[in-house]
Amino acid sequence: MTEHIRKATEKATAVTMAAVDRTLEKVISRKLTVWIVATLLMFNANIESEHWLYLSALYIGGQSVIDAIVKLKNG
């Protein structure tokens, strides 16, 4: 019975996360989402400003490269 509840919980979590991901994808970019989360963590003193800078630069820079490659491939 416990295994059944665990599987049901995992499935519900996956469905919920997929819905949240689709909503965020439509509403705001993932780059902005990462920046907002990192900023909230910084203000909440969970990460230091230096780490915030690293997270922001790495994700935005990495995503920009991916966007450029996709644009080149698709014309």
PDB file of N, CA and C in Angstrom:
ATOM      1  N   MET A   1       0.823  -1.193   0.000  1.00  0.00           N
ATOM      2  CA  MET A   1       0.000   0.000   0.000  1.00  0.00           C
ATOM      3  C   MET A   1       0.864   1.252   0.000  1.00  0.00           C
ATOM      4  N   THR A   2       1.946   1.249   0.763  1.00  0.00           N
ATOM      5  CA  THR A   2       2.830   2.411   0.834  1.00  0.00           C
ATOM      6  C   THR A   2       3.481   2.670  -0.522  1.00  0.00           C
ATOM      7  N   GLU A   3       3.860   1.609  -1.218  1.00  0.00           N
ATOM      8  CA  GLU A   3       4.466   1.749  -2.547  1.00  0.00           C
ATOM      9  C   GLU A   3       3.477   2.385  -3.516  1.00  0.00           C
ATOM     10  N   HIS A   4       2.215   1.999  -3.423  1.00  0.00           N
ATOM     11  CA  HIS A   4       1.175   2.570  -4.287  1.00  0.00           C
ATOM     12  C   HIS A   4       1.019   4.070  -4.027  1.00  0.00           C
ATOM     13  N   ILE A   5       1.043   4.460  -2.780  1.00  0.00           N
ATOM     14  CA  ILE A   5       0.919   5.883  -2.418  1.00  0.00           C
ATOM     15  C   ILE A   5       2.139   6.654  -2.915  1.00  0.00           C
ATOM     16  N   ARG A   6       3.309   6.080  -2.784  1.00  0.00           N
ATOM     17  CA  ARG A   6       4.535   6.739  -3.244  1.00  0.00           C
ATOM     18  C   ARG A   6       4.498   6.958  -4.754  1.00  0.00           C
ATOM     19  N   LYS A   7       4.078   5.931  -5.495  1.00  0.00           N
ATOM     20  CA  LYS A   7       3.993   6.054  -6.951  1.00  0.00           C
ATOM     21  C   LYS A   7       2.952   7.091  -7.359  1.00  0.00           C
ATOM     22  N   ALA A   8       1.827   7.105  -6.669  1.00  0.00           N
ATOM     23  CA  ALA A   8       0.790   8.090  -6.972  1.00  0.00           C
ATOM     24  C   ALA A   8       1.278   9.504  -6.684  1.00  0.00           C
ATOM     25  N   THR A   9       2.013   9.667  -5.601  1.00  0.00           N
ATOM     26  CA  THR A   9       2.569  10.973  -5.243  1.00  0.00           C
ATOM     27  C   THR A   9       3.591  11.426  -6.282  1.00  0.00           C
ATOM     28  N   GLU A  10       4.452  10.514  -6.713  1.00  0.00           N
ATOM     29  CA  GLU A  10       5.449  10.844  -7.731  1.00  0.00           C
ATOM     30  C   GLU A  10       4.789  11.246  -9.040  1.00  0.00           C
ATOM     31  N   LYS A  11       3.742  10.520  -9.418  1.00  0.00           N
ATOM     32  CA  LYS A  11       3.031  10.839 -10.663  1.00  0.00           C
ATOM     33  C   LYS A  11       2.357  12.208 -10.560  1.00  0.00           C
ATOM     34  N   ALA A  12       1.733  12.482  -9.430  1.00  0.00           N
ATOM     35  CA  ALA A  12       1.083  13.776  -9.242  1.00  0.00           C
ATOM     36  C   ALA A  12       2.096  14.908  -9.259  1.00  0.00           C
ATOM     37  N   THR A  13       3.248  14.682  -8.651  1.00  0.00           N
ATOM     38  CA  THR A  13       4.308  15.691  -8.649  1.00  0.00           C
ATOM     39  C   THR A  13       4.810  15.940 -10.063  1.00  0.00           C
ATOM     40  N   ALA A  14       5.013  14.874 -10.827  1.00  0.00           N
ATOM     41  CA  ALA A  14       5.487  15.021 -12.208  1.00  0.00           C
ATOM     42  C   ALA A  14       4.485  15.783 -13.057  1.00  0.00           C
ATOM     43  N   VAL A  15       3.205  15.481 -12.902  1.00  0.00           N
ATOM     44  CA  VAL A  15       2.161  16.173 -13.660  1.00  0.00           C
ATOM     45  C   VAL A  15       2.116  17.647 -13.278  1.00  0.00           C
ATOM     46  N   THR A  16       2.209  17.922 -11.985  1.00  0.00           N
ATOM     47  CA  THR A  16       2.190  19.303 -11.511  1.00  0.00           C
ATOM     48  C   THR A  16       3.392  20.079 -12.025  1.00  0.00           C
ATOM     49  N   MET A  17       4.578  19.476 -11.949  1.00  0.00           N
ATOM     50  CA  MET A  17       5.784  20.154 -12.420  1.00  0.00           C
ATOM     51  C   MET A  17       5.726  20.400 -13.923  1.00  0.00           C
ATOM     52  N   ALA A  18       5.166  19.466 -14.662  1.00  0.00           N
ATOM     53  CA  ALA A  18       5.025  19.654 -16.108  1.00  0.00           C
ATOM     54  C   ALA A  18       4.089  20.823 -16.404  1.00  0.00           C
ATOM     55  N   ALA A  19       3.007  20.921 -15.648  1.00  0.00           N
ATOM     56  CA  ALA A  19       2.066  22.032 -15.837  1.00  0.00           C
ATOM     57  C   ALA A  19       2.725  23.365 -15.487  1.00  0.00           C
ATOM     58  N   VAL A  20       3.477  23.386 -14.406  1.00  0.00           N
ATOM     59  CA  VAL A  20       4.185  24.614 -14.014  1.00  0.00           C
ATOM     60  C   VAL A  20       5.196  24.988 -15.085  1.00  0.00           C
ATOM     61  N   ASP A  21       5.929  24.001 -15.596  1.00  0.00           N
ATOM     62  CA  ASP A  21       6.925  24.261 -16.627  1.00  0.00           C
ATOM     63  C   ASP A  21       6.278  24.820 -17.893  1.00  0.00           C
ATOM     64  N   ARG A  22       5.164  24.242 -18.313  1.00  0.00           N
ATOM     65  CA  ARG A  22       4.465  24.752 -19.504  1.00  0.00           C
ATOM     66  C   ARG A  22       3.985  26.178 -19.295  1.00  0.00           C
ATOM     67  N   THR A  23       3.464  26.455 -18.103  1.00  0.00           N
ATOM     68  CA  THR A  23       2.988  27.806 -17.796  1.00  0.00           C
ATOM     69  C   THR A  23       4.132  28.806 -17.806  1.00  0.00           C
ATOM     70  N   LEU A  24       5.228  28.460 -17.137  1.00  0.00           N
ATOM     71  CA  LEU A  24       6.378  29.359 -17.117  1.00  0.00           C
ATOM     72  C   LEU A  24       6.942  29.577 -18.512  1.00  0.00           C
ATOM     73  N   GLU A  25       6.945  28.512 -19.311  1.00  0.00           N
ATOM     74  CA  GLU A  25       7.469  28.624 -20.666  1.00  0.00           C
ATOM     75  C   GLU A  25       6.646  29.609 -21.482  1.00  0.00           C
ATOM     76  N   LYS A  26       5.348  29.619 -21.255  1.00  0.00           N
ATOM     77  CA  LYS A  26       4.479  30.526 -21.991  1.00  0.00           C
ATOM     78  C   LYS A  26       4.519  31.940 -21.442  1.00  0.00           C
ATOM     79  N   VAL A  27       4.645  32.070 -20.142  1.00  0.00           N
ATOM     80  CA  VAL A  27       4.539  33.377 -19.512  1.00  0.00           C
ATOM     81  C   VAL A  27       5.868  34.121 -19.502  1.00  0.00           C
ATOM     82  N   ILE A  28       6.905  33.481 -18.997  1.00  0.00           N
ATOM     83  CA  ILE A  28       8.207  34.140 -18.914  1.00  0.00           C
ATOM     84  C   ILE A  28       9.293  33.165 -19.329  1.00  0.00           C
ATOM     85  N   SER A  29      10.408  33.700 -19.739  1.00  0.00           N
ATOM     86  CA  SER A  29      11.505  32.842 -20.188  1.00  0.00           C
ATOM     87  C   SER A  29      12.173  32.163 -18.996  1.00  0.00           C
ATOM     88  N   ARG A  30      12.826  31.065 -19.269  1.00  0.00           N
ATOM     89  CA  ARG A  30      13.538  30.355 -18.207  1.00  0.00           C
ATOM     90  C   ARG A  30      14.704  31.182 -17.702  1.00  0.00           C
ATOM     91  N   LYS A  31      15.298  31.971 -18.571  1.00  0.00           N
ATOM     92  CA  LYS A  31      16.402  32.830 -18.136  1.00  0.00           C
ATOM     93  C   LYS A  31      15.924  33.785 -17.053  1.00  0.00           C
ATOM     94  N   LEU A  32      14.770  34.381 -17.276  1.00  0.00           N
ATOM     95  CA  LEU A  32      14.226  35.305 -16.291  1.00  0.00           C
ATOM     96  C   LEU A  32      13.846  34.567 -15.014  1.00  0.00           C
ATOM     97  N   THR A  33      13.319  33.359 -15.138  1.00  0.00           N
ATOM     98  CA  THR A  33      12.958  32.569 -13.967  1.00  0.00           C
ATOM     99  C   THR A  33      14.180  32.270 -13.110  1.00  0.00           C
ATOM    100  N   VAL A  34      15.268  31.861 -13.751  1.00  0.00           N
ATOM    101  CA  VAL A  34      16.498  31.571 -13.011  1.00  0.00           C
ATOM    102  C   VAL A  34      16.999  32.828 -12.316  1.00  0.00           C
ATOM    103  N   TRP A  35      16.953  33.935 -13.013  1.00  0.00           N
ATOM    104  CA  TRP A  35      17.425  35.188 -12.427  1.00  0.00           C
ATOM    105  C   TRP A  35      16.564  35.588 -11.230  1.00  0.00           C
ATOM    106  N   ILE A  36      15.259  35.435 -11.346  1.00  0.00           N
ATOM    107  CA  ILE A  36      14.358  35.774 -10.234  1.00  0.00           C
ATOM    108  C   ILE A  36      14.628  34.881  -9.025  1.00  0.00           C
ATOM    109  N   VAL A  37      14.755  33.577  -9.248  1.00  0.00           N
ATOM    110  CA  VAL A  37      15.020  32.646  -8.143  1.00  0.00           C
ATOM    111  C   VAL A  37      16.357  32.957  -7.485  1.00  0.00           C
ATOM    112  N   ALA A  38      17.391  33.189  -8.303  1.00  0.00           N
ATOM    113  CA  ALA A  38      18.706  33.516  -7.741  1.00  0.00           C
ATOM    114  C   ALA A  38      18.650  34.816  -6.950  1.00  0.00           C
ATOM    115  N   THR A  39      17.913  35.784  -7.450  1.00  0.00           N
ATOM    116  CA  THR A  39      17.783  37.060  -6.748  1.00  0.00           C
ATOM    117  C   THR A  39      17.059  36.881  -5.420  1.00  0.00           C
ATOM    118  N   LEU A  40      15.995  36.102  -5.414  1.00  0.00           N
ATOM    119  CA  LEU A  40      15.268  35.846  -4.169  1.00  0.00           C
ATOM    120  C   LEU A  40      16.156  35.117  -3.163  1.00  0.00           C
ATOM    121  N   LEU A  41      16.923  34.150  -3.634  1.00  0.00           N
ATOM    122  CA  LEU A  41      17.838  33.434  -2.741  1.00  0.00           C
ATOM    123  C   LEU A  41      18.905  34.362  -2.180  1.00  0.00           C
ATOM    124  N   MET A  42      19.383  35.290  -3.020  1.00  0.00           N
ATOM    125  CA  MET A  42      20.400  36.222  -2.550  1.00  0.00           C
ATOM    126  C   MET A  42      19.824  37.131  -1.461  1.00  0.00           C
ATOM    127  N   PHE A  43      18.627  37.657  -1.696  1.00  0.00           N
ATOM    128  CA  PHE A  43      18.025  38.543  -0.702  1.00  0.00           C
ATOM    129  C   PHE A  43      17.623  37.794   0.564  1.00  0.00           C
ATOM    130  N   ASN A  44      17.395  36.507   0.434  1.00  0.00           N
ATOM    131  CA  ASN A  44      17.030  35.681   1.581  1.00  0.00           C
ATOM    132  C   ASN A  44      18.271  35.167   2.311  1.00  0.00           C
ATOM    133  N   ALA A  45      19.435  35.570   1.839  1.00  0.00           N
ATOM    134  CA  ALA A  45      20.736  35.203   2.418  1.00  0.00           C
ATOM    135  C   ALA A  45      21.050  33.716   2.274  1.00  0.00           C
ATOM    136  N   ASN A  46      20.458  33.055   1.279  1.00  0.00           N
ATOM    137  CA  ASN A  46      20.782  31.654   1.019  1.00  0.00           C
ATOM    138  C   ASN A  46      21.991  31.523   0.105  1.00  0.00           C
ATOM    139  N   ILE A  47      22.231  32.538  -0.728  1.00  0.00           N
ATOM    140  CA  ILE A  47      23.436  32.556  -1.544  1.00  0.00           C
ATOM    141  C   ILE A  47      24.041  33.951  -1.450  1.00  0.00           C
ATOM    142  N   GLU A  48      25.325  34.030  -1.696  1.00  0.00           N
ATOM    143  CA  GLU A  48      25.994  35.320  -1.644  1.00  0.00           C
ATOM    144  C   GLU A  48      25.936  35.982  -3.014  1.00  0.00           C
ATOM    145  N   SER A  49      26.170  37.265  -3.038  1.00  0.00           N
ATOM    146  CA  SER A  49      26.047  38.010  -4.286  1.00  0.00           C
ATOM    147  C   SER A  49      27.002  37.487  -5.361  1.00  0.00           C
ATOM    148  N   GLU A  50      28.163  37.025  -4.951  1.00  0.00           N
ATOM    149  CA  GLU A  50      29.117  36.472  -5.916  1.00  0.00           C
ATOM    150  C   GLU A  50      28.530  35.238  -6.609  1.00  0.00           C
ATOM    151  N   HIS A  51      27.881  34.370  -5.846  1.00  0.00           N
ATOM    152  CA  HIS A  51      27.269  33.176  -6.425  1.00  0.00           C
ATOM    153  C   HIS A  51      26.090  33.550  -7.314  1.00  0.00           C
ATOM    154  N   TRP A  52      25.361  34.582  -6.918  1.00  0.00           N
ATOM    155  CA  TRP A  52      24.261  35.069  -7.745  1.00  0.00           C
ATOM    156  C   TRP A  52      24.795  35.491  -9.108  1.00  0.00           C
ATOM    157  N   LEU A  53      25.915  36.204  -9.093  1.00  0.00           N
ATOM    158  CA  LEU A  53      26.518  36.655 -10.345  1.00  0.00           C
ATOM    159  C   LEU A  53      26.916  35.464 -11.205  1.00  0.00           C
ATOM    160  N   TYR A  54      27.528  34.451 -10.598  1.00  0.00           N
ATOM    161  CA  TYR A  54      27.925  33.257 -11.346  1.00  0.00           C
ATOM    162  C   TYR A  54      26.714  32.555 -11.953  1.00  0.00           C
ATOM    163  N   LEU A  55      25.682  32.350 -11.154  1.00  0.00           N
ATOM    164  CA  LEU A  55      24.482  31.678 -11.655  1.00  0.00           C
ATOM    165  C   LEU A  55      23.865  32.441 -12.813  1.00  0.00           C
ATOM    166  N   SER A  56      23.732  33.731 -12.636  1.00  0.00           N
ATOM    167  CA  SER A  56      23.128  34.548 -13.688  1.00  0.00           C
ATOM    168  C   SER A  56      23.949  34.513 -14.964  1.00  0.00           C
ATOM    169  N   ALA A  57      25.252  34.735 -14.837  1.00  0.00           N
ATOM    170  CA  ALA A  57      26.120  34.785 -16.015  1.00  0.00           C
ATOM    171  C   ALA A  57      26.183  33.441 -16.732  1.00  0.00           C
ATOM    172  N   LEU A  58      26.327  32.365 -15.976  1.00  0.00           N
ATOM    173  CA  LEU A  58      26.421  31.043 -16.598  1.00  0.00           C
ATOM    174  C   LEU A  58      25.143  30.654 -17.322  1.00  0.00           C
ATOM    175  N   TYR A  59      24.022  30.839 -16.679  1.00  0.00           N
ATOM    176  CA  TYR A  59      22.781  30.413 -17.305  1.00  0.00           C
ATOM    177  C   TYR A  59      22.426  31.290 -18.492  1.00  0.00           C
ATOM    178  N   ILE A  60      22.496  32.587 -18.313  1.00  0.00           N
ATOM    179  CA  ILE A  60      22.128  33.483 -19.407  1.00  0.00           C
ATOM    180  C   ILE A  60      23.099  33.323 -20.574  1.00  0.00           C
ATOM    181  N   GLY A  61      24.397  33.239 -20.272  1.00  0.00           N
ATOM    182  CA  GLY A  61      25.378  33.037 -21.330  1.00  0.00           C
ATOM    183  C   GLY A  61      25.192  31.715 -22.042  1.00  0.00           C
ATOM    184  N   GLY A  62      24.975  30.647 -21.276  1.00  0.00           N
ATOM    185  CA  GLY A  62      24.766  29.327 -21.867  1.00  0.00           C
ATOM    186  C   GLY A  62      23.507  29.264 -22.698  1.00  0.00           C
ATOM    187  N   GLN A  63      22.450  29.840 -22.209  1.00  0.00           N
ATOM    188  CA  GLN A  63      21.182  29.832 -22.937  1.00  0.00           C
ATOM    189  C   GLN A  63      21.285  30.680 -24.196  1.00  0.00           C
ATOM    190  N   SER A  64      22.047  31.758 -24.142  1.00  0.00           N
ATOM    191  CA  SER A  64      22.230  32.606 -25.326  1.00  0.00           C
ATOM    192  C   SER A  64      22.960  31.855 -26.429  1.00  0.00           C
ATOM    193  N   VAL A  65      23.949  31.056 -26.060  1.00  0.00           N
ATOM    194  CA  VAL A  65      24.668  30.251 -27.052  1.00  0.00           C
ATOM    195  C   VAL A  65      23.719  29.235 -27.678  1.00  0.00           C
ATOM    196  N   ILE A  66      22.919  28.589 -26.866  1.00  0.00           N
ATOM    197  CA  ILE A  66      21.956  27.611 -27.378  1.00  0.00           C
ATOM    198  C   ILE A  66      20.958  28.275 -28.315  1.00  0.00           C
ATOM    199  N   ASP A  67      20.449  29.438 -27.925  1.00  0.00           N
ATOM    200  CA  ASP A  67      19.499  30.181 -28.773  1.00  0.00           C
ATOM    201  C   ASP A  67      20.137  30.547 -30.110  1.00  0.00           C
ATOM    202  N   ALA A  68      21.409  30.963 -30.086  1.00  0.00           N
ATOM    203  CA  ALA A  68      22.105  31.335 -31.312  1.00  0.00           C
ATOM    204  C   ALA A  68      22.266  30.134 -32.243  1.00  0.00           C
ATOM    205  N   ILE A  69      22.619  28.972 -31.685  1.00  0.00           N
ATOM    206  CA  ILE A  69      22.787  27.763 -32.494  1.00  0.00           C
ATOM    207  C   ILE A  69      21.456  27.352 -33.120  1.00  0.00           C
ATOM    208  N   VAL A  70      20.402  27.388 -32.336  1.00  0.00           N
ATOM    209  CA  VAL A  70      19.078  27.035 -32.868  1.00  0.00           C
ATOM    210  C   VAL A  70      18.685  27.992 -33.982  1.00  0.00           C
ATOM    211  N   LYS A  71      18.962  29.268 -33.793  1.00  0.00           N
ATOM    212  CA  LYS A  71      18.618  30.262 -34.820  1.00  0.00           C
ATOM    213  C   LYS A  71      19.421  30.018 -36.094  1.00  0.00           C
ATOM    214  N   LEU A  72      20.709  29.682 -35.953  1.00  0.00           N
ATOM    215  CA  LEU A  72      21.520  29.394 -37.134  1.00  0.00           C
ATOM    216  C   LEU A  72      21.036  28.162 -37.878  1.00  0.00           C
ATOM    217  N   LYS A  73      20.649  27.137 -37.149  1.00  0.00           N
ATOM    218  CA  LYS A  73      20.174  25.903 -37.781  1.00  0.00           C
ATOM    219  C   LYS A  73      18.843  26.103 -38.492  1.00  0.00           C
ATOM    220  N   ASN A  74      17.970  26.908 -37.888  1.00  0.00           N
ATOM    221  CA  ASN A  74      16.627  27.106 -38.438  1.00  0.00           C
ATOM    222  C   ASN A  74      16.569  28.256 -39.429  1.00  0.00           C
ATOM    223  N   GLY A  75      17.649  28.950 -39.592  1.00  0.00           N
ATOM    224  CA  GLY A  75      17.706  30.031 -40.578  1.00  0.00           C
ATOM    225  C   GLY A  75      17.227  31.271 -40.030  1.00  0.00           C
TER     226      GLY A  75
END
